[in-house]
C-alpha cells in the first residue's frame, strides 16, 4: 500500500510515515503541489495510491465518478493541530484499516472517530 499525502497536510507527515515503515510520499515529491484535486485523483488511480487528505473534495469525486478507487483517508477535525498529531493519528490507525484500504474504502479519521465506507459510494 502506497500513500499519497495531499498538499493540505505537511510533508512532515509523509516523512514520519516513511520513518514508521510506510511507503508514503507528499504531492510535493511528485511536483503536484498546485495540481487540482482531479489531477491528484487521476494520479492516485494510475499509480495505485491511497490519498491522505484533510479535504472533503476527494469524497465528492469518488461519489460523482462512482469510482471504486483510489481509497481515501479523510483526516477530519485536525486543521489546527500540528503535523505530529496528524502523523500519530495515522500511525495508530493504519494497521487497523490497511486491509480495507487495499479493498477500496473512504476512511473518515478524526481524533475521536474512525468510520469506513466501501467503494464505490452509493
N, C-alpha and C. Protein backbone atom coordinates (compact mmCIF):
# COMPACT_ATOMS: atom_id res chain seq x y z
N UNK A 1 0.85 -1.17 0.00
CA UNK A 1 0.00 0.00 0.00
C UNK A 1 0.90 1.24 0.00
N UNK A 2 0.64 2.11 -0.95
CA UNK A 2 1.41 3.35 -1.10
C UNK A 2 0.50 4.53 -0.79
N UNK A 3 0.97 5.44 0.04
CA UNK A 3 0.18 6.57 0.50
C UNK A 3 0.65 7.86 -0.18
N UNK A 4 -0.30 8.67 -0.61
CA UNK A 4 -0.01 9.98 -1.19
C UNK A 4 -0.63 11.04 -0.30
N UNK A 5 0.21 11.86 0.31
CA UNK A 5 -0.24 12.90 1.23
C UNK A 5 -0.55 14.16 0.43
N UNK A 6 -1.76 14.67 0.61
CA UNK A 6 -2.23 15.85 -0.12
C UNK A 6 -1.54 17.11 0.40
N UNK A 7 -1.63 18.17 -0.39
CA UNK A 7 -0.95 19.44 -0.07
C UNK A 7 -1.49 20.10 1.18
N UNK A 8 -2.71 19.75 1.61
CA UNK A 8 -3.25 20.38 2.81
C UNK A 8 -2.71 19.75 4.10
N UNK A 9 -1.84 18.77 3.97
CA UNK A 9 -1.12 18.18 5.10
C UNK A 9 0.37 18.39 4.86
N UNK A 10 1.10 18.49 5.93
CA UNK A 10 2.53 18.81 5.86
C UNK A 10 3.35 17.67 5.24
N UNK A 11 4.39 18.02 4.50
CA UNK A 11 5.33 16.99 4.04
C UNK A 11 5.95 16.21 5.20
N UNK A 12 5.95 16.79 6.40
CA UNK A 12 6.48 16.09 7.57
C UNK A 12 5.65 14.84 7.89
N UNK A 13 4.37 14.85 7.50
CA UNK A 13 3.53 13.66 7.71
C UNK A 13 4.06 12.52 6.85
N UNK A 14 4.37 12.80 5.60
CA UNK A 14 4.93 11.76 4.72
C UNK A 14 6.27 11.28 5.25
N UNK A 15 7.12 12.20 5.69
CA UNK A 15 8.42 11.82 6.25
C UNK A 15 8.25 10.90 7.46
N UNK A 16 7.34 11.26 8.33
CA UNK A 16 7.10 10.46 9.53
C UNK A 16 6.54 9.09 9.21
N UNK A 17 5.65 9.02 8.20
CA UNK A 17 5.11 7.73 7.79
C UNK A 17 6.21 6.84 7.22
N UNK A 18 7.11 7.43 6.44
CA UNK A 18 8.25 6.65 5.93
C UNK A 18 9.11 6.13 7.07
N UNK A 19 9.36 6.98 8.06
CA UNK A 19 10.14 6.55 9.22
C UNK A 19 9.46 5.43 9.99
N UNK A 20 8.13 5.40 9.93
CA UNK A 20 7.36 4.35 10.61
C UNK A 20 7.22 3.09 9.75
N UNK A 21 7.83 3.12 8.55
CA UNK A 21 7.85 1.93 7.71
C UNK A 21 6.82 1.90 6.60
N UNK A 22 6.12 3.00 6.39
CA UNK A 22 5.11 3.05 5.33
C UNK A 22 5.72 3.64 4.05
N UNK A 23 5.18 3.21 2.92
CA UNK A 23 5.55 3.75 1.62
C UNK A 23 4.68 4.99 1.40
N UNK A 24 5.23 6.15 1.69
CA UNK A 24 4.45 7.38 1.65
C UNK A 24 5.22 8.49 0.96
N UNK A 25 4.50 9.29 0.22
CA UNK A 25 5.06 10.46 -0.43
C UNK A 25 4.08 11.61 -0.34
N UNK A 26 4.59 12.78 -0.50
CA UNK A 26 3.78 14.00 -0.49
C UNK A 26 3.60 14.46 -1.92
N UNK A 27 2.51 15.17 -2.20
CA UNK A 27 2.29 15.66 -3.56
C UNK A 27 3.48 16.51 -4.03
N UNK A 28 4.19 17.14 -3.11
CA UNK A 28 5.37 17.93 -3.48
C UNK A 28 6.45 17.03 -4.09
N UNK A 29 6.51 15.78 -3.65
CA UNK A 29 7.50 14.85 -4.21
C UNK A 29 7.23 14.54 -5.68
N UNK A 30 5.98 14.74 -6.09
CA UNK A 30 5.57 14.46 -7.47
C UNK A 30 5.38 15.75 -8.27
N UNK A 31 5.85 16.88 -7.72
CA UNK A 31 5.65 18.19 -8.35
C UNK A 31 4.17 18.47 -8.61
N UNK A 32 3.33 18.12 -7.63
CA UNK A 32 1.89 18.29 -7.79
C UNK A 32 1.27 19.17 -6.71
N UNK A 33 2.07 20.04 -6.08
CA UNK A 33 1.54 20.89 -5.02
C UNK A 33 0.41 21.77 -5.53
N UNK A 34 0.51 22.24 -6.76
CA UNK A 34 -0.52 23.12 -7.30
C UNK A 34 -1.52 22.37 -8.19
N UNK A 35 -1.43 21.05 -8.22
CA UNK A 35 -2.35 20.26 -9.05
C UNK A 35 -3.76 20.35 -8.49
N UNK A 36 -4.73 20.18 -9.37
CA UNK A 36 -6.13 20.15 -8.94
C UNK A 36 -6.41 18.81 -8.25
N UNK A 37 -7.49 18.79 -7.50
CA UNK A 37 -7.90 17.53 -6.87
C UNK A 37 -8.13 16.45 -7.91
N UNK A 38 -8.68 16.84 -9.05
CA UNK A 38 -8.93 15.87 -10.12
C UNK A 38 -7.62 15.27 -10.64
N UNK A 39 -6.60 16.11 -10.78
CA UNK A 39 -5.30 15.61 -11.25
C UNK A 39 -4.67 14.66 -10.22
N UNK A 40 -4.78 15.02 -8.96
CA UNK A 40 -4.24 14.16 -7.90
C UNK A 40 -5.02 12.85 -7.86
N UNK A 41 -6.33 12.93 -7.98
CA UNK A 41 -7.19 11.75 -8.00
C UNK A 41 -6.77 10.82 -9.15
N UNK A 42 -6.62 11.38 -10.33
CA UNK A 42 -6.25 10.58 -11.50
C UNK A 42 -4.86 9.95 -11.32
N UNK A 43 -3.94 10.68 -10.73
CA UNK A 43 -2.60 10.14 -10.50
C UNK A 43 -2.66 8.99 -9.49
N UNK A 44 -3.49 9.16 -8.46
CA UNK A 44 -3.65 8.11 -7.46
C UNK A 44 -4.23 6.85 -8.08
N UNK A 45 -5.18 6.99 -8.98
CA UNK A 45 -5.75 5.84 -9.68
C UNK A 45 -4.67 5.17 -10.53
N UNK A 46 -3.96 5.96 -11.32
CA UNK A 46 -2.96 5.42 -12.25
C UNK A 46 -1.83 4.70 -11.52
N UNK A 47 -1.44 5.23 -10.35
CA UNK A 47 -0.28 4.69 -9.64
C UNK A 47 -0.67 3.82 -8.43
N UNK A 48 -1.97 3.53 -8.29
CA UNK A 48 -2.47 2.70 -7.20
C UNK A 48 -2.04 3.25 -5.84
N UNK A 49 -2.38 4.52 -5.60
CA UNK A 49 -2.03 5.21 -4.37
C UNK A 49 -3.27 5.43 -3.51
N UNK A 50 -3.09 5.43 -2.21
CA UNK A 50 -4.15 5.82 -1.27
C UNK A 50 -3.93 7.29 -0.96
N UNK A 51 -4.97 8.10 -1.16
CA UNK A 51 -4.86 9.54 -0.91
C UNK A 51 -5.16 9.81 0.56
N UNK A 52 -4.28 10.57 1.20
CA UNK A 52 -4.47 11.01 2.58
C UNK A 52 -4.66 12.52 2.52
N UNK A 53 -5.81 13.00 2.97
CA UNK A 53 -6.16 14.40 2.78
C UNK A 53 -6.99 14.93 3.93
N UNK A 54 -7.01 16.24 4.09
CA UNK A 54 -7.92 16.91 5.01
C UNK A 54 -9.05 17.57 4.23
N UNK A 55 -9.18 17.23 2.97
CA UNK A 55 -10.08 17.86 2.02
C UNK A 55 -11.24 16.92 1.69
N UNK A 56 -12.46 17.38 1.89
CA UNK A 56 -13.64 16.54 1.59
C UNK A 56 -13.91 16.39 0.10
N UNK A 57 -13.20 17.14 -0.74
CA UNK A 57 -13.45 17.07 -2.19
C UNK A 57 -13.15 15.69 -2.77
N UNK A 58 -12.24 14.93 -2.18
CA UNK A 58 -11.94 13.61 -2.71
C UNK A 58 -13.12 12.66 -2.53
N UNK A 59 -13.83 12.79 -1.43
CA UNK A 59 -15.05 12.01 -1.24
C UNK A 59 -16.10 12.38 -2.27
N UNK A 60 -16.21 13.65 -2.59
CA UNK A 60 -17.15 14.10 -3.62
C UNK A 60 -16.77 13.53 -4.98
N UNK A 61 -15.47 13.54 -5.29
CA UNK A 61 -15.02 12.98 -6.57
C UNK A 61 -15.32 11.49 -6.65
N UNK A 62 -15.10 10.76 -5.56
CA UNK A 62 -15.42 9.33 -5.54
C UNK A 62 -16.89 9.11 -5.81
N UNK A 63 -17.74 9.91 -5.19
CA UNK A 63 -19.18 9.77 -5.37
C UNK A 63 -19.62 10.14 -6.79
N UNK A 64 -19.12 11.27 -7.29
CA UNK A 64 -19.51 11.72 -8.64
C UNK A 64 -19.07 10.74 -9.72
N UNK A 65 -17.90 10.18 -9.54
CA UNK A 65 -17.37 9.25 -10.55
C UNK A 65 -17.81 7.81 -10.32
N UNK A 66 -18.49 7.58 -9.19
CA UNK A 66 -18.87 6.22 -8.80
C UNK A 66 -17.65 5.28 -8.87
N UNK A 67 -16.55 5.80 -8.39
CA UNK A 67 -15.26 5.12 -8.51
C UNK A 67 -15.05 4.12 -7.37
N UNK A 68 -14.36 3.05 -7.70
CA UNK A 68 -14.01 2.06 -6.68
C UNK A 68 -12.56 2.24 -6.20
N UNK A 69 -11.86 3.20 -6.77
CA UNK A 69 -10.54 3.58 -6.31
C UNK A 69 -10.25 5.00 -6.77
N UNK A 70 -9.37 5.70 -6.14
CA UNK A 70 -8.45 5.27 -5.10
C UNK A 70 -9.13 5.27 -3.73
N UNK A 71 -8.60 4.49 -2.81
CA UNK A 71 -9.02 4.62 -1.42
C UNK A 71 -8.55 5.98 -0.93
N UNK A 72 -9.32 6.53 0.01
CA UNK A 72 -9.03 7.86 0.55
C UNK A 72 -9.11 7.80 2.07
N UNK A 73 -8.15 8.41 2.71
CA UNK A 73 -8.22 8.65 4.15
C UNK A 73 -8.48 10.14 4.32
N UNK A 74 -9.67 10.46 4.82
CA UNK A 74 -10.04 11.85 5.04
C UNK A 74 -9.81 12.15 6.53
N UNK A 75 -8.75 12.89 6.81
CA UNK A 75 -8.40 13.26 8.17
C UNK A 75 -9.23 14.50 8.52
N UNK A 76 -10.06 14.35 9.55
CA UNK A 76 -11.03 15.42 9.88
C UNK A 76 -10.75 16.02 11.25
N UNK A 77 -11.13 17.27 11.40
CA UNK A 77 -11.05 17.94 12.69
C UNK A 77 -9.63 18.13 13.20
N UNK A 78 -8.69 18.28 12.28
CA UNK A 78 -7.29 18.38 12.70
C UNK A 78 -6.58 19.61 12.14
N UNK A 79 -7.30 20.47 11.47
CA UNK A 79 -6.67 21.60 10.78
C UNK A 79 -5.79 22.43 11.71
N UNK A 80 -6.22 22.61 12.94
CA UNK A 80 -5.48 23.46 13.87
C UNK A 80 -4.39 22.69 14.62
N UNK A 81 -4.30 21.40 14.39
CA UNK A 81 -3.34 20.56 15.11
C UNK A 81 -2.02 20.45 14.35
N UNK A 82 -0.96 20.16 15.07
CA UNK A 82 0.39 20.06 14.49
C UNK A 82 0.52 18.80 13.63
N UNK A 83 1.41 18.84 12.64
CA UNK A 83 1.64 17.67 11.79
C UNK A 83 1.97 16.40 12.58
N UNK A 84 2.61 16.56 13.72
CA UNK A 84 2.94 15.39 14.53
C UNK A 84 1.68 14.70 15.05
N UNK A 85 0.64 15.48 15.31
CA UNK A 85 -0.64 14.91 15.74
C UNK A 85 -1.28 14.16 14.57
N UNK A 86 -1.23 14.73 13.37
CA UNK A 86 -1.74 14.05 12.17
C UNK A 86 -1.02 12.73 11.99
N UNK A 87 0.29 12.76 12.11
CA UNK A 87 1.11 11.57 11.95
C UNK A 87 0.73 10.51 12.98
N UNK A 88 0.63 10.90 14.23
CA UNK A 88 0.28 9.94 15.28
C UNK A 88 -1.08 9.31 15.02
N UNK A 89 -2.03 10.10 14.61
CA UNK A 89 -3.37 9.61 14.30
C UNK A 89 -3.32 8.56 13.19
N UNK A 90 -2.55 8.84 12.16
CA UNK A 90 -2.43 7.89 11.04
C UNK A 90 -1.69 6.62 11.47
N UNK A 91 -0.57 6.76 12.16
CA UNK A 91 0.22 5.60 12.55
C UNK A 91 -0.58 4.69 13.48
N UNK A 92 -1.38 5.28 14.36
CA UNK A 92 -2.19 4.47 15.28
C UNK A 92 -3.30 3.72 14.56
N UNK A 93 -3.81 4.26 13.47
CA UNK A 93 -4.98 3.67 12.81
C UNK A 93 -4.68 2.88 11.55
N UNK A 94 -3.57 3.15 10.89
CA UNK A 94 -3.28 2.45 9.62
C UNK A 94 -3.25 0.93 9.76
N UNK A 95 -2.67 0.36 10.80
CA UNK A 95 -2.68 -1.11 10.88
C UNK A 95 -4.10 -1.69 10.91
N UNK A 96 -5.03 -0.99 11.52
CA UNK A 96 -6.41 -1.44 11.62
C UNK A 96 -7.13 -1.41 10.28
N UNK A 97 -6.81 -0.43 9.44
CA UNK A 97 -7.58 -0.23 8.21
C UNK A 97 -6.83 -0.60 6.94
N UNK A 98 -5.62 -1.11 7.06
CA UNK A 98 -4.80 -1.40 5.87
C UNK A 98 -5.51 -2.33 4.90
N UNK A 99 -6.10 -3.41 5.39
CA UNK A 99 -6.82 -4.34 4.51
C UNK A 99 -8.00 -3.68 3.83
N UNK A 100 -8.71 -2.83 4.56
CA UNK A 100 -9.85 -2.12 3.98
C UNK A 100 -9.39 -1.17 2.86
N UNK A 101 -8.27 -0.50 3.09
CA UNK A 101 -7.75 0.43 2.08
C UNK A 101 -7.36 -0.32 0.81
N UNK A 102 -6.82 -1.51 0.96
CA UNK A 102 -6.47 -2.30 -0.23
C UNK A 102 -7.71 -2.72 -1.00
N UNK A 103 -8.80 -2.94 -0.27
CA UNK A 103 -10.05 -3.38 -0.88
C UNK A 103 -10.78 -2.23 -1.58
N UNK A 104 -10.70 -1.03 -1.02
CA UNK A 104 -11.37 0.13 -1.59
C UNK A 104 -12.38 0.75 -0.64
N UNK A 105 -11.94 1.76 0.11
CA UNK A 105 -12.82 2.45 1.06
C UNK A 105 -12.46 3.92 1.11
N UNK A 106 -13.39 4.67 1.68
CA UNK A 106 -13.05 6.01 2.16
C UNK A 106 -13.10 5.91 3.67
N UNK A 107 -11.99 6.28 4.30
CA UNK A 107 -11.89 6.25 5.75
C UNK A 107 -11.97 7.67 6.27
N UNK A 108 -12.90 7.91 7.16
CA UNK A 108 -13.02 9.20 7.82
C UNK A 108 -12.38 9.06 9.19
N UNK A 109 -11.32 9.80 9.40
CA UNK A 109 -10.49 9.61 10.58
C UNK A 109 -10.35 10.93 11.33
N UNK A 110 -10.72 10.91 12.60
CA UNK A 110 -10.54 12.08 13.46
C UNK A 110 -9.99 11.60 14.79
N UNK A 111 -9.56 12.51 15.66
CA UNK A 111 -9.06 12.08 16.96
C UNK A 111 -10.09 11.29 17.77
N UNK A 112 -11.37 11.48 17.47
CA UNK A 112 -12.42 10.83 18.25
C UNK A 112 -13.13 9.68 17.53
N UNK A 113 -12.87 9.50 16.21
CA UNK A 113 -13.71 8.57 15.47
C UNK A 113 -13.00 8.04 14.23
N UNK A 114 -13.35 6.80 13.89
CA UNK A 114 -12.92 6.18 12.65
C UNK A 114 -14.16 5.56 12.01
N UNK A 115 -14.43 5.93 10.78
CA UNK A 115 -15.57 5.36 10.05
C UNK A 115 -15.10 4.98 8.66
N UNK A 116 -15.59 3.85 8.15
CA UNK A 116 -15.24 3.36 6.82
C UNK A 116 -16.49 3.22 5.97
N UNK A 117 -16.35 3.58 4.70
CA UNK A 117 -17.42 3.36 3.72
C UNK A 117 -16.81 2.67 2.53
N UNK A 118 -17.41 1.57 2.14
CA UNK A 118 -16.92 0.82 0.98
C UNK A 118 -17.11 1.62 -0.31
N UNK A 119 -16.22 1.39 -1.24
CA UNK A 119 -16.30 1.99 -2.58
C UNK A 119 -16.82 0.94 -3.56
N UNK A 120 -17.55 1.35 -4.56
CA UNK A 120 -17.99 2.73 -4.84
C UNK A 120 -19.07 3.18 -3.86
N UNK A 121 -19.10 4.50 -3.62
CA UNK A 121 -20.11 5.07 -2.74
C UNK A 121 -21.46 4.98 -3.41
N UNK A 122 -22.46 4.73 -2.63
CA UNK A 122 -23.83 4.61 -3.18
C UNK A 122 -24.70 5.70 -2.63
